[in-house]
Amino acid sequence: MANHKRHIGIIRPTVPNPEIFWGSIQEIAEYCNLNRRSVSSLINGVVSSTKKGFRRMTPEEEILHYQPPRPPNKNNNKKKCTYKSKKFWKITFFKDWKKGEKYPTDPKSIYSGSTQDFVRFTGCNSGQIYRLINTHEGNLEKYPLKSIKGWSIARIRRYSKPYVRQSRIKES
């Protein structure tokens, strides 16, 4: 029964029409203007009633005044995630290089590949790569990162599907 809301009824026996409310512990707390702990004490029988006169329903009252649970609220106004996969991006990294300097010519100081390939190449965390990309693009980052183990980004090529290099020679 884990992760299920308890559907509980409380009653305030006013004459001629009793005030009835059904809901979860949190909903009852909001309705009665109490804290959650007080409502929990009321439901578990530690306290018989609240100062306003609400008490837990007896089994006979539950049968008589039962109301089915309300369906949960669907929040359709949530922002849709605009995540774009960086799986097929090709990123060019240079070792010990800063923006504005000439590109290195030594093949050992140049690396080009996807983010996953770079993680395997350097043995770093993938979160660091994404922080590095966000810093390079100028996005707001809580902990900006300029380089990883001396490797900094020189160029990002964004592809949405696997990139296959095509030769430029036309066959006749």
N, C-alpha and C. Protein backbone atom coordinates (compact mmCIF):
# COMPACT_ATOMS: atom_id res chain seq x y z
N MET A 1 0.80 -1.18 0.00
CA MET A 1 0.00 0.00 0.00
C MET A 1 0.85 1.26 0.00
N ALA A 2 2.09 1.11 -0.32
CA ALA A 2 2.98 2.27 -0.33
C ALA A 2 2.61 3.21 -1.48
N ASN A 3 2.84 4.49 -1.27
CA ASN A 3 2.60 5.53 -2.25
C ASN A 3 1.13 5.69 -2.63
N HIS A 4 0.21 5.24 -1.78
CA HIS A 4 -1.21 5.45 -2.02
C HIS A 4 -1.73 6.45 -1.00
N LYS A 5 -2.58 7.37 -1.45
CA LYS A 5 -3.19 8.32 -0.53
C LYS A 5 -4.29 7.61 0.25
N ARG A 6 -4.37 7.89 1.54
CA ARG A 6 -5.46 7.37 2.35
C ARG A 6 -6.67 8.25 2.12
N HIS A 7 -7.82 7.63 1.89
CA HIS A 7 -9.07 8.35 1.67
C HIS A 7 -9.85 8.29 2.98
N ILE A 8 -9.88 9.40 3.71
CA ILE A 8 -10.42 9.43 5.05
C ILE A 8 -11.55 10.45 5.12
N GLY A 9 -12.56 10.14 5.92
CA GLY A 9 -13.68 11.06 6.11
C GLY A 9 -13.67 11.67 7.49
N ILE A 10 -13.96 12.98 7.55
CA ILE A 10 -14.13 13.66 8.83
C ILE A 10 -15.51 14.30 8.84
N ILE A 11 -16.04 14.50 10.01
CA ILE A 11 -17.39 15.06 10.13
C ILE A 11 -17.41 16.08 11.27
N ARG A 12 -18.26 17.07 11.08
CA ARG A 12 -18.54 18.05 12.13
C ARG A 12 -20.05 17.97 12.33
N PRO A 13 -20.48 17.35 13.38
CA PRO A 13 -21.90 17.03 13.52
C PRO A 13 -22.77 18.24 13.86
N THR A 14 -22.94 19.12 12.89
CA THR A 14 -23.82 20.28 13.08
C THR A 14 -25.24 19.87 12.71
N VAL A 15 -26.21 20.44 13.40
CA VAL A 15 -27.61 20.09 13.16
C VAL A 15 -28.22 21.19 12.31
N PRO A 16 -29.00 20.96 11.33
CA PRO A 16 -29.52 19.70 10.81
C PRO A 16 -28.61 19.07 9.76
N ASN A 17 -27.68 19.85 9.16
CA ASN A 17 -26.82 19.30 8.11
C ASN A 17 -25.38 19.20 8.63
N PRO A 18 -24.86 17.98 8.80
CA PRO A 18 -23.47 17.85 9.26
C PRO A 18 -22.50 18.27 8.15
N GLU A 19 -21.38 18.84 8.58
CA GLU A 19 -20.34 19.24 7.63
C GLU A 19 -19.42 18.04 7.44
N ILE A 20 -19.30 17.57 6.17
CA ILE A 20 -18.56 16.35 5.85
C ILE A 20 -17.45 16.69 4.87
N PHE A 21 -16.29 16.07 5.07
CA PHE A 21 -15.18 16.24 4.12
C PHE A 21 -14.43 14.92 3.99
N TRP A 22 -14.14 14.55 2.76
CA TRP A 22 -13.35 13.34 2.46
C TRP A 22 -12.08 13.77 1.75
N GLY A 23 -10.97 13.14 2.11
CA GLY A 23 -9.71 13.44 1.42
C GLY A 23 -8.53 12.79 2.10
N SER A 24 -7.36 13.16 1.64
CA SER A 24 -6.12 12.66 2.23
C SER A 24 -5.80 13.47 3.47
N ILE A 25 -4.78 13.06 4.17
CA ILE A 25 -4.38 13.77 5.39
C ILE A 25 -4.03 15.23 5.07
N GLN A 26 -3.31 15.43 3.99
CA GLN A 26 -2.92 16.80 3.62
C GLN A 26 -4.13 17.64 3.23
N GLU A 27 -5.06 17.06 2.49
CA GLU A 27 -6.26 17.80 2.09
C GLU A 27 -7.11 18.14 3.31
N ILE A 28 -7.22 17.22 4.26
CA ILE A 28 -7.97 17.49 5.49
C ILE A 28 -7.30 18.59 6.28
N ALA A 29 -5.97 18.57 6.35
CA ALA A 29 -5.23 19.61 7.07
C ALA A 29 -5.48 20.98 6.45
N GLU A 30 -5.51 21.07 5.14
CA GLU A 30 -5.79 22.34 4.47
C GLU A 30 -7.23 22.78 4.70
N TYR A 31 -8.16 21.82 4.64
CA TYR A 31 -9.58 22.14 4.81
C TYR A 31 -9.87 22.64 6.22
N CYS A 32 -9.31 22.00 7.24
CA CYS A 32 -9.55 22.37 8.64
C CYS A 32 -8.60 23.45 9.15
N ASN A 33 -7.66 23.86 8.34
CA ASN A 33 -6.66 24.84 8.71
C ASN A 33 -5.84 24.36 9.91
N LEU A 34 -5.38 23.12 9.82
CA LEU A 34 -4.55 22.50 10.85
C LEU A 34 -3.23 22.07 10.22
N ASN A 35 -2.31 21.65 11.08
CA ASN A 35 -1.10 21.07 10.51
C ASN A 35 -1.28 19.57 10.35
N ARG A 36 -0.43 18.97 9.60
CA ARG A 36 -0.54 17.56 9.25
C ARG A 36 -0.45 16.64 10.48
N ARG A 37 0.36 17.02 11.41
CA ARG A 37 0.54 16.20 12.61
C ARG A 37 -0.74 16.15 13.45
N SER A 38 -1.44 17.27 13.54
CA SER A 38 -2.70 17.30 14.29
C SER A 38 -3.74 16.41 13.64
N VAL A 39 -3.80 16.45 12.31
CA VAL A 39 -4.76 15.61 11.58
C VAL A 39 -4.39 14.14 11.76
N SER A 40 -3.11 13.83 11.74
CA SER A 40 -2.67 12.45 11.94
C SER A 40 -3.07 11.96 13.34
N SER A 41 -2.95 12.81 14.35
CA SER A 41 -3.37 12.46 15.70
C SER A 41 -4.88 12.23 15.76
N LEU A 42 -5.63 13.04 15.05
CA LEU A 42 -7.09 12.91 15.00
C LEU A 42 -7.49 11.59 14.36
N ILE A 43 -6.85 11.22 13.28
CA ILE A 43 -7.19 10.00 12.55
C ILE A 43 -6.77 8.76 13.30
N ASN A 44 -5.64 8.80 13.97
CA ASN A 44 -5.15 7.63 14.70
C ASN A 44 -5.81 7.45 16.07
N GLY A 45 -6.68 8.38 16.47
CA GLY A 45 -7.41 8.23 17.73
C GLY A 45 -6.72 8.80 18.94
N VAL A 46 -5.61 9.48 18.77
CA VAL A 46 -4.90 10.09 19.89
C VAL A 46 -5.76 11.24 20.46
N VAL A 47 -6.39 12.00 19.55
CA VAL A 47 -7.26 13.11 19.92
C VAL A 47 -8.66 12.77 19.39
N SER A 48 -9.70 13.09 20.16
CA SER A 48 -11.06 12.73 19.72
C SER A 48 -11.64 13.74 18.74
N SER A 49 -11.35 15.03 18.89
CA SER A 49 -11.88 16.03 17.97
C SER A 49 -10.99 17.27 17.97
N THR A 50 -11.18 18.12 16.97
CA THR A 50 -10.42 19.36 16.88
C THR A 50 -11.17 20.45 17.65
N LYS A 51 -10.57 21.63 17.79
CA LYS A 51 -11.22 22.74 18.49
C LYS A 51 -12.45 23.24 17.72
N LYS A 52 -12.44 23.05 16.41
CA LYS A 52 -13.58 23.49 15.60
C LYS A 52 -14.69 22.44 15.58
N GLY A 53 -14.45 21.26 16.14
CA GLY A 53 -15.50 20.25 16.24
C GLY A 53 -15.41 19.12 15.23
N PHE A 54 -14.37 19.08 14.40
CA PHE A 54 -14.23 17.99 13.44
C PHE A 54 -13.73 16.74 14.15
N ARG A 55 -14.24 15.58 13.76
CA ARG A 55 -13.78 14.31 14.30
C ARG A 55 -13.80 13.28 13.17
N ARG A 56 -13.12 12.16 13.40
CA ARG A 56 -13.12 11.10 12.39
C ARG A 56 -14.48 10.41 12.40
N MET A 57 -14.93 10.01 11.21
CA MET A 57 -16.23 9.35 11.10
C MET A 57 -16.17 7.95 11.68
N THR A 58 -17.29 7.54 12.26
CA THR A 58 -17.41 6.15 12.71
C THR A 58 -17.69 5.29 11.49
N PRO A 59 -17.51 3.96 11.58
CA PRO A 59 -17.79 3.10 10.42
C PRO A 59 -19.21 3.24 9.89
N GLU A 60 -20.20 3.45 10.75
CA GLU A 60 -21.59 3.62 10.29
C GLU A 60 -21.74 4.93 9.52
N GLU A 61 -21.08 6.00 10.01
CA GLU A 61 -21.14 7.29 9.31
C GLU A 61 -20.41 7.23 7.98
N GLU A 62 -19.32 6.46 7.93
CA GLU A 62 -18.59 6.31 6.66
C GLU A 62 -19.48 5.67 5.60
N ILE A 63 -20.24 4.66 5.98
CA ILE A 63 -21.16 4.01 5.02
C ILE A 63 -22.26 4.98 4.60
N LEU A 64 -22.80 5.72 5.54
CA LEU A 64 -23.90 6.63 5.27
C LEU A 64 -23.50 7.82 4.41
N HIS A 65 -22.32 8.41 4.67
CA HIS A 65 -21.90 9.65 4.00
C HIS A 65 -20.73 9.45 3.02
N TYR A 66 -20.53 8.26 2.51
CA TYR A 66 -19.34 7.99 1.69
C TYR A 66 -19.34 8.84 0.42
N GLN A 67 -18.18 9.38 0.08
CA GLN A 67 -17.96 10.10 -1.17
C GLN A 67 -16.71 9.52 -1.80
N PRO A 68 -16.76 9.12 -3.08
CA PRO A 68 -15.57 8.53 -3.70
C PRO A 68 -14.45 9.56 -3.84
N PRO A 69 -13.20 9.07 -3.93
CA PRO A 69 -12.08 10.01 -4.06
C PRO A 69 -12.14 10.79 -5.36
N ARG A 70 -11.67 12.02 -5.30
CA ARG A 70 -11.61 12.86 -6.50
C ARG A 70 -10.40 12.45 -7.33
N PRO A 71 -10.52 12.52 -8.68
CA PRO A 71 -9.34 12.19 -9.50
C PRO A 71 -8.25 13.23 -9.28
N PRO A 72 -6.98 12.82 -9.43
CA PRO A 72 -5.88 13.78 -9.22
C PRO A 72 -5.88 14.86 -10.29
N ASN A 73 -5.38 16.03 -9.90
CA ASN A 73 -5.31 17.15 -10.84
C ASN A 73 -4.22 16.89 -11.86
N LYS A 74 -4.55 17.10 -13.11
CA LYS A 74 -3.56 16.98 -14.19
C LYS A 74 -3.10 18.39 -14.53
N ASN A 75 -1.83 18.65 -14.32
CA ASN A 75 -1.27 19.96 -14.64
C ASN A 75 -0.82 19.95 -16.09
N ASN A 76 -1.66 20.49 -16.97
CA ASN A 76 -1.31 20.56 -18.39
C ASN A 76 -0.48 21.80 -18.70
N ASN A 77 -0.36 22.70 -17.74
CA ASN A 77 0.38 23.92 -17.99
C ASN A 77 1.86 23.78 -17.63
N LYS A 78 2.32 22.54 -17.43
CA LYS A 78 3.74 22.35 -17.18
C LYS A 78 4.53 22.60 -18.45
N LYS A 79 5.71 23.11 -18.30
CA LYS A 79 6.55 23.36 -19.47
C LYS A 79 7.06 22.04 -20.02
N LYS A 80 6.93 21.89 -21.30
CA LYS A 80 7.46 20.69 -21.94
C LYS A 80 8.98 20.81 -21.99
N CYS A 81 9.63 19.70 -21.76
CA CYS A 81 11.08 19.69 -21.77
C CYS A 81 11.57 19.83 -23.21
N THR A 82 12.44 20.77 -23.46
CA THR A 82 12.97 20.98 -24.80
C THR A 82 14.39 20.42 -24.89
N TYR A 83 14.57 19.26 -24.28
CA TYR A 83 15.88 18.64 -24.28
C TYR A 83 16.22 18.16 -25.68
N LYS A 84 17.41 18.47 -26.12
CA LYS A 84 17.88 17.99 -27.40
C LYS A 84 19.08 17.09 -27.15
N SER A 85 19.02 15.92 -27.71
CA SER A 85 20.07 14.94 -27.47
C SER A 85 21.40 15.42 -28.06
N LYS A 86 22.45 15.27 -27.27
CA LYS A 86 23.79 15.63 -27.73
C LYS A 86 24.55 14.39 -28.15
N LYS A 87 23.82 13.29 -28.33
CA LYS A 87 24.43 12.01 -28.63
C LYS A 87 25.20 12.01 -29.96
N PHE A 88 24.69 12.72 -30.94
CA PHE A 88 25.31 12.71 -32.27
C PHE A 88 26.13 13.96 -32.55
N TRP A 89 26.29 14.84 -31.58
CA TRP A 89 27.08 16.04 -31.77
C TRP A 89 28.55 15.66 -31.92
N LYS A 90 29.24 16.35 -32.79
CA LYS A 90 30.69 16.17 -32.93
C LYS A 90 31.35 17.43 -32.36
N ILE A 91 32.18 17.22 -31.36
CA ILE A 91 32.83 18.33 -30.68
C ILE A 91 34.33 18.23 -30.89
N THR A 92 34.94 19.35 -31.24
CA THR A 92 36.39 19.39 -31.43
C THR A 92 37.01 20.00 -30.19
N PHE A 93 37.94 19.25 -29.57
CA PHE A 93 38.64 19.68 -28.37
C PHE A 93 40.11 19.90 -28.70
N PHE A 94 40.70 20.93 -28.08
CA PHE A 94 42.13 21.17 -28.20
C PHE A 94 42.74 21.12 -26.80
N LYS A 95 43.94 20.56 -26.73
CA LYS A 95 44.65 20.45 -25.45
C LYS A 95 45.45 21.73 -25.21
N ASP A 96 45.33 22.27 -23.99
CA ASP A 96 46.06 23.48 -23.57
C ASP A 96 45.92 24.61 -24.59
N TRP A 97 44.70 24.95 -24.91
CA TRP A 97 44.39 25.96 -25.91
C TRP A 97 43.36 26.92 -25.34
N LYS A 98 43.48 28.20 -25.68
CA LYS A 98 42.52 29.20 -25.25
C LYS A 98 41.93 29.88 -26.47
N LYS A 99 40.71 30.36 -26.33
CA LYS A 99 40.03 31.03 -27.43
C LYS A 99 40.85 32.22 -27.90
N GLY A 100 41.01 32.36 -29.20
CA GLY A 100 41.78 33.45 -29.77
C GLY A 100 43.17 33.02 -30.22
N GLU A 101 43.67 31.93 -29.68
CA GLU A 101 44.98 31.42 -30.10
C GLU A 101 44.84 30.66 -31.41
N LYS A 102 45.99 30.44 -32.07
CA LYS A 102 45.97 29.66 -33.30
C LYS A 102 45.67 28.20 -32.98
N TYR A 103 45.06 27.51 -33.94
CA TYR A 103 44.76 26.10 -33.74
C TYR A 103 46.05 25.30 -33.69
N PRO A 104 46.13 24.32 -32.79
CA PRO A 104 47.34 23.50 -32.74
C PRO A 104 47.42 22.57 -33.95
N THR A 105 48.62 22.25 -34.35
CA THR A 105 48.82 21.35 -35.50
C THR A 105 49.21 19.95 -35.08
N ASP A 106 49.63 19.79 -33.83
CA ASP A 106 50.02 18.48 -33.33
C ASP A 106 48.78 17.59 -33.19
N PRO A 107 48.76 16.40 -33.84
CA PRO A 107 47.57 15.54 -33.76
C PRO A 107 47.27 15.03 -32.34
N LYS A 108 48.28 15.02 -31.45
CA LYS A 108 48.04 14.56 -30.09
C LYS A 108 47.28 15.59 -29.25
N SER A 109 47.26 16.83 -29.71
CA SER A 109 46.56 17.87 -28.95
C SER A 109 45.20 18.22 -29.57
N ILE A 110 44.73 17.39 -30.50
CA ILE A 110 43.42 17.60 -31.13
C ILE A 110 42.59 16.34 -30.91
N TYR A 111 41.33 16.53 -30.49
CA TYR A 111 40.42 15.40 -30.36
C TYR A 111 39.06 15.83 -30.90
N SER A 112 38.44 14.99 -31.71
CA SER A 112 37.12 15.28 -32.24
C SER A 112 36.26 14.03 -32.08
N GLY A 113 35.08 14.20 -31.52
CA GLY A 113 34.18 13.06 -31.33
C GLY A 113 32.95 13.48 -30.56
N SER A 114 32.11 12.49 -30.23
CA SER A 114 30.89 12.77 -29.49
C SER A 114 31.20 12.93 -28.01
N THR A 115 30.19 13.32 -27.23
CA THR A 115 30.39 13.52 -25.80
C THR A 115 30.74 12.20 -25.11
N GLN A 116 30.07 11.11 -25.53
CA GLN A 116 30.34 9.81 -24.91
C GLN A 116 31.76 9.34 -25.22
N ASP A 117 32.21 9.59 -26.47
CA ASP A 117 33.57 9.22 -26.84
C ASP A 117 34.60 9.98 -26.00
N PHE A 118 34.34 11.27 -25.77
CA PHE A 118 35.27 12.08 -24.98
C PHE A 118 35.31 11.62 -23.53
N VAL A 119 34.15 11.19 -23.00
CA VAL A 119 34.11 10.68 -21.63
C VAL A 119 35.00 9.45 -21.52
N ARG A 120 34.90 8.55 -22.51
CA ARG A 120 35.74 7.35 -22.50
C ARG A 120 37.22 7.70 -22.70
N PHE A 121 37.49 8.72 -23.52
CA PHE A 121 38.86 9.12 -23.84
C PHE A 121 39.57 9.71 -22.62
N THR A 122 38.87 10.59 -21.88
CA THR A 122 39.51 11.26 -20.75
C THR A 122 39.23 10.60 -19.41
N GLY A 123 38.15 9.81 -19.33
CA GLY A 123 37.79 9.19 -18.06
C GLY A 123 37.15 10.18 -17.10
N CYS A 124 36.49 11.21 -17.63
CA CYS A 124 35.84 12.20 -16.77
C CYS A 124 34.35 11.90 -16.66
N ASN A 125 33.65 12.74 -15.95
CA ASN A 125 32.22 12.60 -15.74
C ASN A 125 31.46 13.22 -16.91
N SER A 126 30.34 12.61 -17.32
CA SER A 126 29.58 13.17 -18.44
C SER A 126 28.94 14.50 -18.06
N GLY A 127 28.63 14.70 -16.78
CA GLY A 127 28.08 15.98 -16.34
C GLY A 127 29.05 17.12 -16.55
N GLN A 128 30.35 16.82 -16.43
CA GLN A 128 31.36 17.86 -16.67
C GLN A 128 31.34 18.30 -18.14
N ILE A 129 31.12 17.35 -19.04
CA ILE A 129 31.08 17.68 -20.47
C ILE A 129 29.92 18.64 -20.73
N TYR A 130 28.75 18.34 -20.15
CA TYR A 130 27.59 19.19 -20.39
C TYR A 130 27.78 20.57 -19.76
N ARG A 131 28.44 20.64 -18.62
CA ARG A 131 28.77 21.94 -18.04
C ARG A 131 29.72 22.71 -18.94
N LEU A 132 30.69 22.00 -19.52
CA LEU A 132 31.65 22.61 -20.44
C LEU A 132 30.94 23.15 -21.68
N ILE A 133 30.00 22.37 -22.23
CA ILE A 133 29.24 22.79 -23.41
C ILE A 133 28.40 24.02 -23.08
N ASN A 134 27.70 24.00 -21.94
CA ASN A 134 26.88 25.15 -21.55
C ASN A 134 27.72 26.40 -21.36
N THR A 135 28.89 26.28 -20.77
CA THR A 135 29.77 27.43 -20.59
C THR A 135 30.26 27.94 -21.94
N HIS A 136 30.60 27.02 -22.84
CA HIS A 136 31.07 27.40 -24.17
C HIS A 136 29.98 28.14 -24.96
N GLU A 137 28.72 27.70 -24.80
CA GLU A 137 27.62 28.33 -25.53
C GLU A 137 27.12 29.61 -24.87
N GLY A 138 27.56 29.88 -23.64
CA GLY A 138 27.16 31.10 -22.95
C GLY A 138 25.88 30.92 -22.14
N ASN A 139 25.44 29.66 -21.93
CA ASN A 139 24.26 29.41 -21.11
C ASN A 139 24.62 29.58 -19.63
N LEU A 140 23.62 29.92 -18.84
CA LEU A 140 23.83 30.12 -17.41
C LEU A 140 24.14 28.77 -16.76
N GLU A 141 25.24 28.69 -16.08
CA GLU A 141 25.69 27.46 -15.43
C GLU A 141 26.09 27.81 -14.01
N LYS A 142 25.64 27.02 -13.04
CA LYS A 142 25.95 27.31 -11.64
C LYS A 142 27.45 27.22 -11.39
N TYR A 143 28.07 26.18 -11.93
CA TYR A 143 29.52 26.02 -11.80
C TYR A 143 30.13 25.97 -13.20
N PRO A 144 30.49 27.14 -13.78
CA PRO A 144 31.03 27.15 -15.13
C PRO A 144 32.35 26.40 -15.21
N LEU A 145 32.59 25.82 -16.37
CA LEU A 145 33.78 25.00 -16.58
C LEU A 145 34.40 25.39 -17.91
N LYS A 146 35.68 25.76 -17.93
CA LYS A 146 36.36 26.19 -19.16
C LYS A 146 37.09 25.04 -19.84
N SER A 147 37.61 24.11 -19.04
CA SER A 147 38.34 22.98 -19.64
C SER A 147 38.28 21.78 -18.71
N ILE A 148 38.53 20.60 -19.30
CA ILE A 148 38.59 19.36 -18.54
C ILE A 148 39.95 18.73 -18.81
N LYS A 149 40.76 18.65 -17.76
CA LYS A 149 42.10 18.07 -17.86
C LYS A 149 42.91 18.73 -18.98
N GLY A 150 42.71 20.04 -19.17
CA GLY A 150 43.44 20.78 -20.18
C GLY A 150 42.76 20.81 -21.54
N TRP A 151 41.70 20.04 -21.75
CA TRP A 151 40.99 20.00 -23.02
C TRP A 151 39.86 21.03 -23.00
N SER A 152 39.84 21.92 -24.00
CA SER A 152 38.78 22.91 -24.09
C SER A 152 38.11 22.81 -25.47
N ILE A 153 36.88 23.27 -25.54
CA ILE A 153 36.09 23.14 -26.78
C ILE A 153 36.48 24.23 -27.76
N ALA A 154 36.69 23.82 -29.01
CA ALA A 154 36.96 24.78 -30.07
C ALA A 154 35.76 24.91 -31.00
N ARG A 155 35.06 23.79 -31.24
CA ARG A 155 33.96 23.81 -32.21
C ARG A 155 32.94 22.74 -31.84
N ILE A 156 31.66 23.07 -32.04
CA ILE A 156 30.58 22.10 -31.83
C ILE A 156 29.77 22.01 -33.12
N ARG A 157 29.65 20.79 -33.64
CA ARG A 157 28.80 20.54 -34.82
C ARG A 157 27.61 19.72 -34.35
N ARG A 158 26.42 20.27 -34.54
CA ARG A 158 25.20 19.63 -34.04
C ARG A 158 24.53 18.81 -35.14
N TYR A 159 24.36 17.53 -34.86
CA TYR A 159 23.66 16.64 -35.77
C TYR A 159 22.52 15.97 -35.01
N SER A 160 21.39 15.73 -35.69
CA SER A 160 20.26 15.09 -35.02
C SER A 160 20.23 13.59 -35.28
N LYS A 161 21.03 13.12 -36.21
CA LYS A 161 21.13 11.68 -36.49
C LYS A 161 22.59 11.36 -36.76
N PRO A 162 22.96 10.09 -36.79
CA PRO A 162 24.37 9.76 -36.98
C PRO A 162 24.94 10.39 -38.25
N TYR A 163 26.10 11.01 -38.09
CA TYR A 163 26.74 11.68 -39.21
C TYR A 163 27.60 10.68 -39.97
N VAL A 164 27.38 10.64 -41.28
CA VAL A 164 28.20 9.79 -42.14
C VAL A 164 28.89 10.71 -43.12
N ARG A 165 30.21 10.68 -43.11
CA ARG A 165 30.96 11.56 -43.99
C ARG A 165 30.85 11.06 -45.42
N GLN A 166 30.49 11.95 -46.33
CA GLN A 166 30.34 11.59 -47.73
C GLN A 166 31.51 12.15 -48.51
N SER A 167 31.99 11.36 -49.44
CA SER A 167 33.11 11.84 -50.23
C SER A 167 32.63 12.88 -51.23
N ARG A 168 33.53 13.78 -51.59
CA ARG A 168 33.17 14.87 -52.50
C ARG A 168 33.48 14.53 -53.95
N ILE A 169 34.05 13.36 -54.19
CA ILE A 169 34.41 12.97 -55.54
C ILE A 169 33.19 12.35 -56.20
N LYS A 170 32.84 12.91 -57.36
CA LYS A 170 31.71 12.36 -58.10
C LYS A 170 32.18 11.23 -58.98
N GLU A 171 31.41 10.17 -58.92
CA GLU A 171 31.74 9.04 -59.80
C GLU A 171 30.96 9.22 -61.10
N SER A 172 31.66 9.03 -62.24
CA SER A 172 30.98 9.19 -63.51
C SER A 172 30.62 7.87 -64.13
